[in-house]
Amino acid sequence: MGQNSHIHLYKSIGKVIGSYLKEVKGISQKDFADSINMNRATLSNIIAGRQQISIHLLYKIANELKVQPVDLLPPMDLFQKSEEELKVNFNNLLKEKGISKESQETILNIIKQPHK
């Protein structure tokens, strides 16, 4: 999973959380953050996708919103589609640079290997 995929994932989680907060009528981000002992700026950064959310905070937010933690996660196909789009864009970039098909396969195989 590339860095851009992680960024997309956290932005998507933030959007889902933000959507749930909007449905909770009459509560500001500050009031919600206070209700779970969180700094408003931290909550704002999570919603904007600028900060990665930890598992325990995901559960804490879900509990306060009275939803299951999984309800705050974006659909898996959205994330997979993003991965596929990254792969297509990368392949197109390699082609544009005039890299042979054999070299493209070698590069992709190297990228797929686990990092040590």
PDB file of N, CA and C in Angstrom:
ATOM      1  N   MET A   1       0.852  -1.168   0.000  1.00  0.00           N
ATOM      2  CA  MET A   1       0.000   0.000   0.000  1.00  0.00           C
ATOM      3  C   MET A   1       0.900   1.233   0.000  1.00  0.00           C
ATOM      4  N   GLY A   2       0.714   2.109  -0.967  1.00  0.00           N
ATOM      5  CA  GLY A   2       1.546   3.298  -1.065  1.00  0.00           C
ATOM      6  C   GLY A   2       1.106   4.400  -0.120  1.00  0.00           C
ATOM      7  N   GLN A   3       1.985   5.390   0.014  1.00  0.00           N
ATOM      8  CA  GLN A   3       1.699   6.509   0.920  1.00  0.00           C
ATOM      9  C   GLN A   3       0.429   7.248   0.500  1.00  0.00           C
ATOM     10  N   ASN A   4       0.241   7.437  -0.816  1.00  0.00           N
ATOM     11  CA  ASN A   4      -0.957   8.131  -1.286  1.00  0.00           C
ATOM     12  C   ASN A   4      -2.225   7.378  -0.925  1.00  0.00           C
ATOM     13  N   SER A   5      -2.150   6.036  -0.924  1.00  0.00           N
ATOM     14  CA  SER A   5      -3.316   5.236  -0.547  1.00  0.00           C
ATOM     15  C   SER A   5      -3.664   5.462   0.915  1.00  0.00           C
ATOM     16  N   HIS A   6      -2.648   5.549   1.776  1.00  0.00           N
ATOM     17  CA  HIS A   6      -2.899   5.802   3.195  1.00  0.00           C
ATOM     18  C   HIS A   6      -3.528   7.179   3.381  1.00  0.00           C
ATOM     19  N   ILE A   7      -3.013   8.160   2.677  1.00  0.00           N
ATOM     20  CA  ILE A   7      -3.569   9.513   2.770  1.00  0.00           C
ATOM     21  C   ILE A   7      -5.024   9.502   2.351  1.00  0.00           C
ATOM     22  N   HIS A   8      -5.317   8.824   1.239  1.00  0.00           N
ATOM     23  CA  HIS A   8      -6.698   8.732   0.753  1.00  0.00           C
ATOM     24  C   HIS A   8      -7.585   8.043   1.784  1.00  0.00           C
ATOM     25  N   LEU A   9      -7.077   6.994   2.410  1.00  0.00           N
ATOM     26  CA  LEU A   9      -7.853   6.266   3.417  1.00  0.00           C
ATOM     27  C   LEU A   9      -8.213   7.173   4.594  1.00  0.00           C
ATOM     28  N   TYR A  10      -7.212   7.879   5.139  1.00  0.00           N
ATOM     29  CA  TYR A  10      -7.480   8.728   6.306  1.00  0.00           C
ATOM     30  C   TYR A  10      -8.387   9.906   5.960  1.00  0.00           C
ATOM     31  N   LYS A  11      -8.255  10.439   4.751  1.00  0.00           N
ATOM     32  CA  LYS A  11      -9.169  11.511   4.327  1.00  0.00           C
ATOM     33  C   LYS A  11     -10.592  10.979   4.221  1.00  0.00           C
ATOM     34  N   SER A  12     -10.728   9.756   3.709  1.00  0.00           N
ATOM     35  CA  SER A  12     -12.052   9.146   3.584  1.00  0.00           C
ATOM     36  C   SER A  12     -12.674   8.888   4.952  1.00  0.00           C
ATOM     37  N   ILE A  13     -11.877   8.396   5.899  1.00  0.00           N
ATOM     38  CA  ILE A  13     -12.379   8.178   7.262  1.00  0.00           C
ATOM     39  C   ILE A  13     -12.830   9.506   7.858  1.00  0.00           C
ATOM     40  N   GLY A  14     -12.025  10.540   7.675  1.00  0.00           N
ATOM     41  CA  GLY A  14     -12.384  11.867   8.185  1.00  0.00           C
ATOM     42  C   GLY A  14     -13.690  12.369   7.615  1.00  0.00           C
ATOM     43  N   LYS A  15     -13.902  12.158   6.321  1.00  0.00           N
ATOM     44  CA  LYS A  15     -15.150  12.596   5.687  1.00  0.00           C
ATOM     45  C   LYS A  15     -16.352  11.867   6.281  1.00  0.00           C
ATOM     46  N   VAL A  16     -16.187  10.572   6.523  1.00  0.00           N
ATOM     47  CA  VAL A  16     -17.292   9.789   7.109  1.00  0.00           C
ATOM     48  C   VAL A  16     -17.594  10.297   8.516  1.00  0.00           C
ATOM     49  N   ILE A  17     -16.563  10.510   9.318  1.00  0.00           N
ATOM     50  CA  ILE A  17     -16.771  11.020  10.678  1.00  0.00           C
ATOM     51  C   ILE A  17     -17.436  12.388  10.624  1.00  0.00           C
ATOM     52  N   GLY A  18     -16.948  13.253   9.723  1.00  0.00           N
ATOM     53  CA  GLY A  18     -17.549  14.580   9.564  1.00  0.00           C
ATOM     54  C   GLY A  18     -19.014  14.502   9.189  1.00  0.00           C
ATOM     55  N   SER A  19     -19.363  13.553   8.332  1.00  0.00           N
ATOM     56  CA  SER A  19     -20.766  13.372   7.934  1.00  0.00           C
ATOM     57  C   SER A  19     -21.633  12.975   9.119  1.00  0.00           C
ATOM     58  N   TYR A  20     -21.129  12.066   9.950  1.00  0.00           N
ATOM     59  CA  TYR A  20     -21.873  11.672  11.144  1.00  0.00           C
ATOM     60  C   TYR A  20     -22.036  12.852  12.099  1.00  0.00           C
ATOM     61  N   LEU A  21     -20.992  13.653  12.253  1.00  0.00           N
ATOM     62  CA  LEU A  21     -21.089  14.797  13.163  1.00  0.00           C
ATOM     63  C   LEU A  21     -22.150  15.790  12.694  1.00  0.00           C
ATOM     64  N   LYS A  22     -22.249  15.977  11.386  1.00  0.00           N
ATOM     65  CA  LYS A  22     -23.263  16.895  10.850  1.00  0.00           C
ATOM     66  C   LYS A  22     -24.672  16.402  11.135  1.00  0.00           C
ATOM     67  N   GLU A  23     -24.814  15.056  11.210  1.00  0.00           N
ATOM     68  CA  GLU A  23     -26.125  14.479  11.502  1.00  0.00           C
ATOM     69  C   GLU A  23     -26.514  14.646  12.968  1.00  0.00           C
ATOM     70  N   VAL A  24     -25.535  14.840  13.844  1.00  0.00           N
ATOM     71  CA  VAL A  24     -25.812  15.072  15.263  1.00  0.00           C
ATOM     72  C   VAL A  24     -26.180  16.540  15.397  1.00  0.00           C
ATOM     73  N   LYS A  25     -27.443  16.818  15.403  1.00  0.00           N
ATOM     74  CA  LYS A  25     -27.912  18.205  15.366  1.00  0.00           C
ATOM     75  C   LYS A  25     -27.574  18.984  16.632  1.00  0.00           C
ATOM     76  N   GLY A  26     -27.144  20.222  16.405  1.00  0.00           N
ATOM     77  CA  GLY A  26     -26.899  21.127  17.516  1.00  0.00           C
ATOM     78  C   GLY A  26     -25.600  20.911  18.268  1.00  0.00           C
ATOM     79  N   ILE A  27     -24.685  20.141  17.711  1.00  0.00           N
ATOM     80  CA  ILE A  27     -23.416  19.940  18.422  1.00  0.00           C
ATOM     81  C   ILE A  27     -22.258  20.417  17.537  1.00  0.00           C
ATOM     82  N   SER A  28     -21.406  21.213  18.100  1.00  0.00           N
ATOM     83  CA  SER A  28     -20.251  21.728  17.376  1.00  0.00           C
ATOM     84  C   SER A  28     -19.104  20.735  17.496  1.00  0.00           C
ATOM     85  N   GLN A  29     -18.082  20.918  16.662  1.00  0.00           N
ATOM     86  CA  GLN A  29     -16.893  20.072  16.779  1.00  0.00           C
ATOM     87  C   GLN A  29     -16.289  20.219  18.169  1.00  0.00           C
ATOM     88  N   LYS A  30     -16.278  21.435  18.683  1.00  0.00           N
ATOM     89  CA  LYS A  30     -15.705  21.671  20.007  1.00  0.00           C
ATOM     90  C   LYS A  30     -16.478  20.914  21.072  1.00  0.00           C
ATOM     91  N   ASP A  31     -17.819  21.013  21.042  1.00  0.00           N
ATOM     92  CA  ASP A  31     -18.636  20.309  22.028  1.00  0.00           C
ATOM     93  C   ASP A  31     -18.448  18.793  21.922  1.00  0.00           C
ATOM     94  N   PHE A  32     -18.389  18.298  20.686  1.00  0.00           N
ATOM     95  CA  PHE A  32     -18.197  16.861  20.505  1.00  0.00           C
ATOM     96  C   PHE A  32     -16.817  16.452  21.018  1.00  0.00           C
ATOM     97  N   ALA A  33     -15.797  17.223  20.641  1.00  0.00           N
ATOM     98  CA  ALA A  33     -14.431  16.923  21.098  1.00  0.00           C
ATOM     99  C   ALA A  33     -14.368  16.925  22.619  1.00  0.00           C
ATOM    100  N   ASP A  34     -15.011  17.906  23.250  1.00  0.00           N
ATOM    101  CA  ASP A  34     -15.038  17.964  24.717  1.00  0.00           C
ATOM    102  C   ASP A  34     -15.699  16.721  25.304  1.00  0.00           C
ATOM    103  N   SER A  35     -16.759  16.226  24.633  1.00  0.00           N
ATOM    104  CA  SER A  35     -17.495  15.079  25.168  1.00  0.00           C
ATOM    105  C   SER A  35     -16.665  13.800  25.169  1.00  0.00           C
ATOM    106  N   ILE A  36     -15.616  13.765  24.347  1.00  0.00           N
ATOM    107  CA  ILE A  36     -14.744  12.583  24.331  1.00  0.00           C
ATOM    108  C   ILE A  36     -13.329  12.922  24.806  1.00  0.00           C
ATOM    109  N   ASN A  37     -13.208  14.052  25.515  1.00  0.00           N
ATOM    110  CA  ASN A  37     -11.912  14.487  26.071  1.00  0.00           C
ATOM    111  C   ASN A  37     -10.825  14.588  24.998  1.00  0.00           C
ATOM    112  N   MET A  38     -11.178  15.255  23.902  1.00  0.00           N
ATOM    113  CA  MET A  38     -10.249  15.441  22.800  1.00  0.00           C
ATOM    114  C   MET A  38     -10.137  16.927  22.492  1.00  0.00           C
ATOM    115  N   ASN A  39      -8.986  17.342  22.058  1.00  0.00           N
ATOM    116  CA  ASN A  39      -8.785  18.720  21.631  1.00  0.00           C
ATOM    117  C   ASN A  39      -9.565  18.956  20.337  1.00  0.00           C
ATOM    118  N   ARG A  40     -10.222  20.108  20.213  1.00  0.00           N
ATOM    119  CA  ARG A  40     -10.998  20.411  19.011  1.00  0.00           C
ATOM    120  C   ARG A  40     -10.123  20.398  17.763  1.00  0.00           C
ATOM    121  N   ALA A  41      -8.905  20.901  17.870  1.00  0.00           N
ATOM    122  CA  ALA A  41      -7.995  20.925  16.720  1.00  0.00           C
ATOM    123  C   ALA A  41      -7.661  19.510  16.255  1.00  0.00           C
ATOM    124  N   THR A  42      -7.500  18.594  17.192  1.00  0.00           N
ATOM    125  CA  THR A  42      -7.225  17.196  16.843  1.00  0.00           C
ATOM    126  C   THR A  42      -8.390  16.617  16.065  1.00  0.00           C
ATOM    127  N   LEU A  43      -9.608  16.838  16.565  1.00  0.00           N
ATOM    128  CA  LEU A  43     -10.800  16.339  15.873  1.00  0.00           C
ATOM    129  C   LEU A  43     -10.904  16.964  14.485  1.00  0.00           C
ATOM    130  N   SER A  44     -10.672  18.253  14.393  1.00  0.00           N
ATOM    131  CA  SER A  44     -10.729  18.947  13.109  1.00  0.00           C
ATOM    132  C   SER A  44      -9.709  18.363  12.132  1.00  0.00           C
ATOM    133  N   ASN A  45      -8.508  18.088  12.603  1.00  0.00           N
ATOM    134  CA  ASN A  45      -7.470  17.509  11.744  1.00  0.00           C
ATOM    135  C   ASN A  45      -7.823  16.098  11.288  1.00  0.00           C
ATOM    136  N   ILE A  46      -8.447  15.322  12.165  1.00  0.00           N
ATOM    137  CA  ILE A  46      -8.887  13.977  11.786  1.00  0.00           C
ATOM    138  C   ILE A  46      -9.960  14.068  10.709  1.00  0.00           C
ATOM    139  N   ILE A  47     -10.930  14.944  10.902  1.00  0.00           N
ATOM    140  CA  ILE A  47     -12.017  15.099   9.936  1.00  0.00           C
ATOM    141  C   ILE A  47     -11.483  15.569   8.589  1.00  0.00           C
ATOM    142  N   ALA A  48     -10.480  16.431   8.610  1.00  0.00           N
ATOM    143  CA  ALA A  48      -9.888  16.945   7.366  1.00  0.00           C
ATOM    144  C   ALA A  48      -8.908  15.958   6.733  1.00  0.00           C
ATOM    145  N   GLY A  49      -8.597  14.866   7.439  1.00  0.00           N
ATOM    146  CA  GLY A  49      -7.665  13.879   6.920  1.00  0.00           C
ATOM    147  C   GLY A  49      -6.211  14.275   7.061  1.00  0.00           C
ATOM    148  N   ARG A  50      -5.949  15.297   7.868  1.00  0.00           N
ATOM    149  CA  ARG A  50      -4.570  15.752   8.087  1.00  0.00           C
ATOM    150  C   ARG A  50      -3.876  14.980   9.200  1.00  0.00           C
ATOM    151  N   GLN A  51      -4.656  14.227   9.964  1.00  0.00           N
ATOM    152  CA  GLN A  51      -4.095  13.460  11.082  1.00  0.00           C
ATOM    153  C   GLN A  51      -4.650  12.048  11.039  1.00  0.00           C
ATOM    154  N   GLN A  52      -3.767  11.080  11.219  1.00  0.00           N
ATOM    155  CA  GLN A  52      -4.209   9.697  11.250  1.00  0.00           C
ATOM    156  C   GLN A  52      -4.933   9.419  12.554  1.00  0.00           C
ATOM    157  N   ILE A  53      -6.016   8.687  12.443  1.00  0.00           N
ATOM    158  CA  ILE A  53      -6.804   8.368  13.639  1.00  0.00           C
ATOM    159  C   ILE A  53      -6.363   6.999  14.175  1.00  0.00           C
ATOM    160  N   SER A  54      -6.192   6.938  15.477  1.00  0.00           N
ATOM    161  CA  SER A  54      -5.826   5.664  16.097  1.00  0.00           C
ATOM    162  C   SER A  54      -7.084   4.815  16.290  1.00  0.00           C
ATOM    163  N   ILE A  55      -6.875   3.541  16.474  1.00  0.00           N
ATOM    164  CA  ILE A  55      -7.996   2.618  16.674  1.00  0.00           C
ATOM    165  C   ILE A  55      -8.799   2.991  17.915  1.00  0.00           C
ATOM    166  N   HIS A  56      -8.104   3.328  19.017  1.00  0.00           N
ATOM    167  CA  HIS A  56      -8.850   3.629  20.246  1.00  0.00           C
ATOM    168  C   HIS A  56      -9.692   4.909  20.073  1.00  0.00           C
ATOM    169  N   LEU A  57      -9.201   5.885  19.304  1.00  0.00           N
ATOM    170  CA  LEU A  57     -10.013   7.082  19.062  1.00  0.00           C
ATOM    171  C   LEU A  57     -11.194   6.777  18.144  1.00  0.00           C
ATOM    172  N   LEU A  58     -10.983   5.902  17.171  1.00  0.00           N
ATOM    173  CA  LEU A  58     -12.074   5.493  16.294  1.00  0.00           C
ATOM    174  C   LEU A  58     -13.202   4.871  17.118  1.00  0.00           C
ATOM    175  N   TYR A  59     -12.834   4.009  18.068  1.00  0.00           N
ATOM    176  CA  TYR A  59     -13.835   3.376  18.934  1.00  0.00           C
ATOM    177  C   TYR A  59     -14.506   4.406  19.852  1.00  0.00           C
ATOM    178  N   LYS A  60     -13.713   5.319  20.356  1.00  0.00           N
ATOM    179  CA  LYS A  60     -14.255   6.351  21.249  1.00  0.00           C
ATOM    180  C   LYS A  60     -15.272   7.232  20.511  1.00  0.00           C
ATOM    181  N   ILE A  61     -14.920   7.640  19.303  1.00  0.00           N
ATOM    182  CA  ILE A  61     -15.831   8.464  18.489  1.00  0.00           C
ATOM    183  C   ILE A  61     -17.085   7.673  18.148  1.00  0.00           C
ATOM    184  N   ALA A  62     -16.915   6.433  17.726  1.00  0.00           N
ATOM    185  CA  ALA A  62     -18.065   5.589  17.381  1.00  0.00           C
ATOM    186  C   ALA A  62     -18.993   5.414  18.579  1.00  0.00           C
ATOM    187  N   ASN A  63     -18.425   5.172  19.742  1.00  0.00           N
ATOM    188  CA  ASN A  63     -19.225   4.996  20.949  1.00  0.00           C
ATOM    189  C   ASN A  63     -20.053   6.258  21.247  1.00  0.00           C
ATOM    190  N   GLU A  64     -19.410   7.413  21.144  1.00  0.00           N
ATOM    191  CA  GLU A  64     -20.121   8.671  21.427  1.00  0.00           C
ATOM    192  C   GLU A  64     -21.210   8.942  20.399  1.00  0.00           C
ATOM    193  N   LEU A  65     -20.969   8.542  19.136  1.00  0.00           N
ATOM    194  CA  LEU A  65     -21.966   8.730  18.074  1.00  0.00           C
ATOM    195  C   LEU A  65     -23.028   7.630  18.086  1.00  0.00           C
ATOM    196  N   LYS A  66     -22.808   6.616  18.936  1.00  0.00           N
ATOM    197  CA  LYS A  66     -23.724   5.475  19.058  1.00  0.00           C
ATOM    198  C   LYS A  66     -23.844   4.702  17.737  1.00  0.00           C
ATOM    199  N   VAL A  67     -22.657   4.469  17.116  1.00  0.00           N
ATOM    200  CA  VAL A  67     -22.568   3.654  15.906  1.00  0.00           C
ATOM    201  C   VAL A  67     -21.450   2.638  16.110  1.00  0.00           C
ATOM    202  N   GLN A  68     -21.374   1.680  15.234  1.00  0.00           N
ATOM    203  CA  GLN A  68     -20.281   0.710  15.262  1.00  0.00           C
ATOM    204  C   GLN A  68     -19.040   1.339  14.623  1.00  0.00           C
ATOM    205  N   PRO A  69     -17.843   1.023  15.110  1.00  0.00           N
ATOM    206  CA  PRO A  69     -16.629   1.584  14.505  1.00  0.00           C
ATOM    207  C   PRO A  69     -16.555   1.368  12.989  1.00  0.00           C
ATOM    208  N   VAL A  70     -17.006   0.208  12.537  1.00  0.00           N
ATOM    209  CA  VAL A  70     -16.976  -0.088  11.100  1.00  0.00           C
ATOM    210  C   VAL A  70     -17.832   0.902  10.305  1.00  0.00           C
ATOM    211  N   ASP A  71     -18.850   1.484  10.944  1.00  0.00           N
ATOM    212  CA  ASP A  71     -19.701   2.459  10.265  1.00  0.00           C
ATOM    213  C   ASP A  71     -18.945   3.738   9.920  1.00  0.00           C
ATOM    214  N   LEU A  72     -17.808   3.953  10.574  1.00  0.00           N
ATOM    215  CA  LEU A  72     -17.016   5.157  10.320  1.00  0.00           C
ATOM    216  C   LEU A  72     -15.947   4.939   9.251  1.00  0.00           C
ATOM    217  N   LEU A  73     -15.841   3.714   8.765  1.00  0.00           N
ATOM    218  CA  LEU A  73     -14.853   3.400   7.736  1.00  0.00           C
ATOM    219  C   LEU A  73     -15.477   3.520   6.353  1.00  0.00           C
ATOM    220  N   PRO A  74     -14.687   3.991   5.371  1.00  0.00           N
ATOM    221  CA  PRO A  74     -15.222   4.079   4.009  1.00  0.00           C
ATOM    222  C   PRO A  74     -15.390   2.675   3.433  1.00  0.00           C
ATOM    223  N   PRO A  75     -16.242   2.543   2.431  1.00  0.00           N
ATOM    224  CA  PRO A  75     -16.425   1.220   1.803  1.00  0.00           C
ATOM    225  C   PRO A  75     -15.111   0.711   1.233  1.00  0.00           C
ATOM    226  N   MET A  76     -14.859  -0.571   1.351  1.00  0.00           N
ATOM    227  CA  MET A  76     -13.617  -1.166   0.887  1.00  0.00           C
ATOM    228  C   MET A  76     -13.422  -0.963  -0.612  1.00  0.00           C
ATOM    229  N   ASP A  77     -14.506  -1.028  -1.394  1.00  0.00           N
ATOM    230  CA  ASP A  77     -14.354  -0.878  -2.844  1.00  0.00           C
ATOM    231  C   ASP A  77     -13.862   0.523  -3.213  1.00  0.00           C
ATOM    232  N   LEU A  78     -14.183   1.517  -2.409  1.00  0.00           N
ATOM    233  CA  LEU A  78     -13.691   2.870  -2.650  1.00  0.00           C
ATOM    234  C   LEU A  78     -12.175   2.891  -2.501  1.00  0.00           C
ATOM    235  N   PHE A  79     -11.682   2.238  -1.477  1.00  0.00           N
ATOM    236  CA  PHE A  79     -10.245   2.195  -1.233  1.00  0.00           C
ATOM    237  C   PHE A  79      -9.550   1.371  -2.308  1.00  0.00           C
ATOM    238  N   GLN A  80     -10.133   0.248  -2.684  1.00  0.00           N
ATOM    239  CA  GLN A  80      -9.539  -0.596  -3.713  1.00  0.00           C
ATOM    240  C   GLN A  80      -9.526   0.112  -5.057  1.00  0.00           C
ATOM    241  N   LYS A  81     -10.581   0.846  -5.350  1.00  0.00           N
ATOM    242  CA  LYS A  81     -10.638   1.593  -6.599  1.00  0.00           C
ATOM    243  C   LYS A  81      -9.497   2.602  -6.632  1.00  0.00           C
ATOM    244  N   SER A  82      -9.245   3.241  -5.545  1.00  0.00           N
ATOM    245  CA  SER A  82      -8.169   4.203  -5.457  1.00  0.00           C
ATOM    246  C   SER A  82      -6.827   3.525  -5.709  1.00  0.00           C
ATOM    247  N   GLU A  83      -6.620   2.336  -5.144  1.00  0.00           N
ATOM    248  CA  GLU A  83      -5.394   1.570  -5.377  1.00  0.00           C
ATOM    249  C   GLU A  83      -5.245   1.289  -6.863  1.00  0.00           C
ATOM    250  N   GLU A  84      -6.329   0.855  -7.483  1.00  0.00           N
ATOM    251  CA  GLU A  84      -6.285   0.517  -8.909  1.00  0.00           C
ATOM    252  C   GLU A  84      -5.994   1.758  -9.743  1.00  0.00           C
ATOM    253  N   GLU A  85      -6.589   2.874  -9.390  1.00  0.00           N
ATOM    254  CA  GLU A  85      -6.312   4.117 -10.110  1.00  0.00           C
ATOM    255  C   GLU A  85      -4.839   4.497  -9.993  1.00  0.00           C
ATOM    256  N   LEU A  86      -4.254   4.312  -8.821  1.00  0.00           N
ATOM    257  CA  LEU A  86      -2.827   4.595  -8.642  1.00  0.00           C
ATOM    258  C   LEU A  86      -1.978   3.696  -9.536  1.00  0.00           C
ATOM    259  N   LYS A  87      -2.337   2.436  -9.621  1.00  0.00           N
ATOM    260  CA  LYS A  87      -1.593   1.494 -10.450  1.00  0.00           C
ATOM    261  C   LYS A  87      -1.677   1.897 -11.926  1.00  0.00           C
ATOM    262  N   VAL A  88      -2.871   2.245 -12.395  1.00  0.00           N
ATOM    263  CA  VAL A  88      -3.057   2.657 -13.785  1.00  0.00           C
ATOM    264  C   VAL A  88      -2.246   3.917 -14.068  1.00  0.00           C
ATOM    265  N   ASN A  89      -2.320   4.889 -13.158  1.00  0.00           N
ATOM    266  CA  ASN A  89      -1.557   6.123 -13.338  1.00  0.00           C
ATOM    267  C   ASN A  89      -0.062   5.848 -13.377  1.00  0.00           C
ATOM    268  N   PHE A  90       0.407   4.953 -12.524  1.00  0.00           N
ATOM    269  CA  PHE A  90       1.819   4.607 -12.478  1.00  0.00           C
ATOM    270  C   PHE A  90       2.234   3.924 -13.784  1.00  0.00           C
ATOM    271  N   ASN A  91       1.419   2.994 -14.246  1.00  0.00           N
ATOM    272  CA  ASN A  91       1.727   2.312 -15.507  1.00  0.00           C
ATOM    273  C   ASN A  91       1.772   3.294 -16.666  1.00  0.00           C
ATOM    274  N   ASN A  92       0.838   4.227 -16.694  1.00  0.00           N
ATOM    275  CA  ASN A  92       0.831   5.242 -17.749  1.00  0.00           C
ATOM    276  C   ASN A  92       2.089   6.101 -17.692  1.00  0.00           C
ATOM    277  N   LEU A  93       2.515   6.450 -16.497  1.00  0.00           N
ATOM    278  CA  LEU A  93       3.725   7.245 -16.326  1.00  0.00           C
ATOM    279  C   LEU A  93       4.944   6.497 -16.871  1.00  0.00           C
ATOM    280  N   LEU A  94       5.035   5.209 -16.549  1.00  0.00           N
ATOM    281  CA  LEU A  94       6.151   4.408 -17.049  1.00  0.00           C
ATOM    282  C   LEU A  94       6.145   4.365 -18.578  1.00  0.00           C
ATOM    283  N   LYS A  95       4.970   4.205 -19.173  1.00  0.00           N
ATOM    284  CA  LYS A  95       4.858   4.176 -20.634  1.00  0.00           C
ATOM    285  C   LYS A  95       5.281   5.507 -21.236  1.00  0.00           C
ATOM    286  N   GLU A  96       4.814   6.600 -20.626  1.00  0.00           N
ATOM    287  CA  GLU A  96       5.165   7.941 -21.122  1.00  0.00           C
ATOM    288  C   GLU A  96       6.667   8.177 -21.090  1.00  0.00           C
ATOM    289  N   LYS A  97       7.342   7.582 -20.122  1.00  0.00           N
ATOM    290  CA  LYS A  97       8.792   7.755 -19.983  1.00  0.00           C
ATOM    291  C   LYS A  97       9.561   6.830 -20.930  1.00  0.00           C
ATOM    292  N   GLY A  98       8.846   6.026 -21.703  1.00  0.00           N
ATOM    293  CA  GLY A  98       9.489   5.150 -22.672  1.00  0.00           C
ATOM    294  C   GLY A  98      10.138   3.919 -22.066  1.00  0.00           C
ATOM    295  N   ILE A  99       9.683   3.509 -20.915  1.00  0.00           N
ATOM    296  CA  ILE A  99      10.250   2.334 -20.245  1.00  0.00           C
ATOM    297  C   ILE A  99       9.631   1.080 -20.863  1.00  0.00           C
ATOM    298  N   SER A 100      10.488   0.136 -21.222  1.00  0.00           N
ATOM    299  CA  SER A 100      10.028  -1.079 -21.891  1.00  0.00           C
ATOM    300  C   SER A 100       9.070  -1.870 -21.005  1.00  0.00           C
ATOM    301  N   LYS A 101       8.269  -2.693 -21.654  1.00  0.00           N
ATOM    302  CA  LYS A 101       7.298  -3.524 -20.939  1.00  0.00           C
ATOM    303  C   LYS A 101       8.015  -4.433 -19.937  1.00  0.00           C
ATOM    304  N   GLU A 102       9.135  -4.982 -20.321  1.00  0.00           N
ATOM    305  CA  GLU A 102       9.905  -5.858 -19.431  1.00  0.00           C
ATOM    306  C   GLU A 102      10.381  -5.089 -18.199  1.00  0.00           C
ATOM    307  N   SER A 103      10.880  -3.895 -18.412  1.00  0.00           N
ATOM    308  CA  SER A 103      11.343  -3.066 -17.290  1.00  0.00           C
ATOM    309  C   SER A 103      10.174  -2.640 -16.405  1.00  0.00           C
ATOM    310  N   GLN A 104       9.027  -2.371 -17.024  1.00  0.00           N
ATOM    311  CA  GLN A 104       7.836  -2.009 -16.243  1.00  0.00           C
ATOM    312  C   GLN A 104       7.481  -3.139 -15.283  1.00  0.00           C
ATOM    313  N   GLU A 105       7.502  -4.380 -15.784  1.00  0.00           N
ATOM    314  CA  GLU A 105       7.177  -5.537 -14.944  1.00  0.00           C
ATOM    315  C   GLU A 105       8.177  -5.676 -13.803  1.00  0.00           C
ATOM    316  N   THR A 106       9.447  -5.478 -14.106  1.00  0.00           N
ATOM    317  CA  THR A 106      10.493  -5.569 -13.079  1.00  0.00           C
ATOM    318  C   THR A 106      10.261  -4.516 -11.990  1.00  0.00           C
ATOM    319  N   ILE A 107       9.987  -3.290 -12.405  1.00  0.00           N
ATOM    320  CA  ILE A 107       9.734  -2.195 -11.444  1.00  0.00           C
ATOM    321  C   ILE A 107       8.519  -2.516 -10.577  1.00  0.00           C
ATOM    322  N   LEU A 108       7.445  -2.963 -11.198  1.00  0.00           N
ATOM    323  CA  LEU A 108       6.231  -3.287 -10.435  1.00  0.00           C
ATOM    324  C   LEU A 108       6.477  -4.423  -9.451  1.00  0.00           C
ATOM    325  N   ASN A 109       7.261  -5.423  -9.844  1.00  0.00           N
ATOM    326  CA  ASN A 109       7.585  -6.532  -8.937  1.00  0.00           C
ATOM    327  C   ASN A 109       8.404  -6.049  -7.746  1.00  0.00           C
ATOM    328  N   ILE A 110       9.329  -5.143  -7.983  1.00  0.00           N
ATOM    329  CA  ILE A 110      10.140  -4.587  -6.888  1.00  0.00           C
ATOM    330  C   ILE A 110       9.249  -3.820  -5.919  1.00  0.00           C
ATOM    331  N   ILE A 111       8.333  -3.029  -6.463  1.00  0.00           N
ATOM    332  CA  ILE A 111       7.440  -2.228  -5.625  1.00  0.00           C
ATOM    333  C   ILE A 111       6.538  -3.114  -4.768  1.00  0.00           C
ATOM    334  N   LYS A 112       6.114  -4.227  -5.320  1.00  0.00           N
ATOM    335  CA  LYS A 112       5.194  -5.124  -4.606  1.00  0.00           C
ATOM    336  C   LYS A 112       5.871  -5.877  -3.464  1.00  0.00           C
ATOM    337  N   GLN A 113       7.203  -5.950  -3.484  1.00  0.00           N
ATOM    338  CA  GLN A 113       7.913  -6.684  -2.426  1.00  0.00           C
ATOM    339  C   GLN A 113       7.760  -5.962  -1.098  1.00  0.00           C
ATOM    340  N   PRO A 114       7.624  -6.730  -0.015  1.00  0.00           N
ATOM    341  CA  PRO A 114       7.525  -6.099   1.304  1.00  0.00           C
ATOM    342  C   PRO A 114       8.796  -5.313   1.632  1.00  0.00           C
ATOM    343  N   HIS A 115       8.621  -4.182   2.290  1.00  0.00           N
ATOM    344  CA  HIS A 115       9.767  -3.370   2.700  1.00  0.00           C
ATOM    345  C   HIS A 115      10.397  -3.959   3.948  1.00  0.00           C
ATOM    346  N   LYS A 116      11.717  -3.927   4.016  1.00  0.00           N
ATOM    347  CA  LYS A 116      12.425  -4.481   5.166  1.00  0.00           C
ATOM    348  C   LYS A 116      13.033  -3.393   5.991  1.00  0.00           C
TER     349      LYS A 116
END
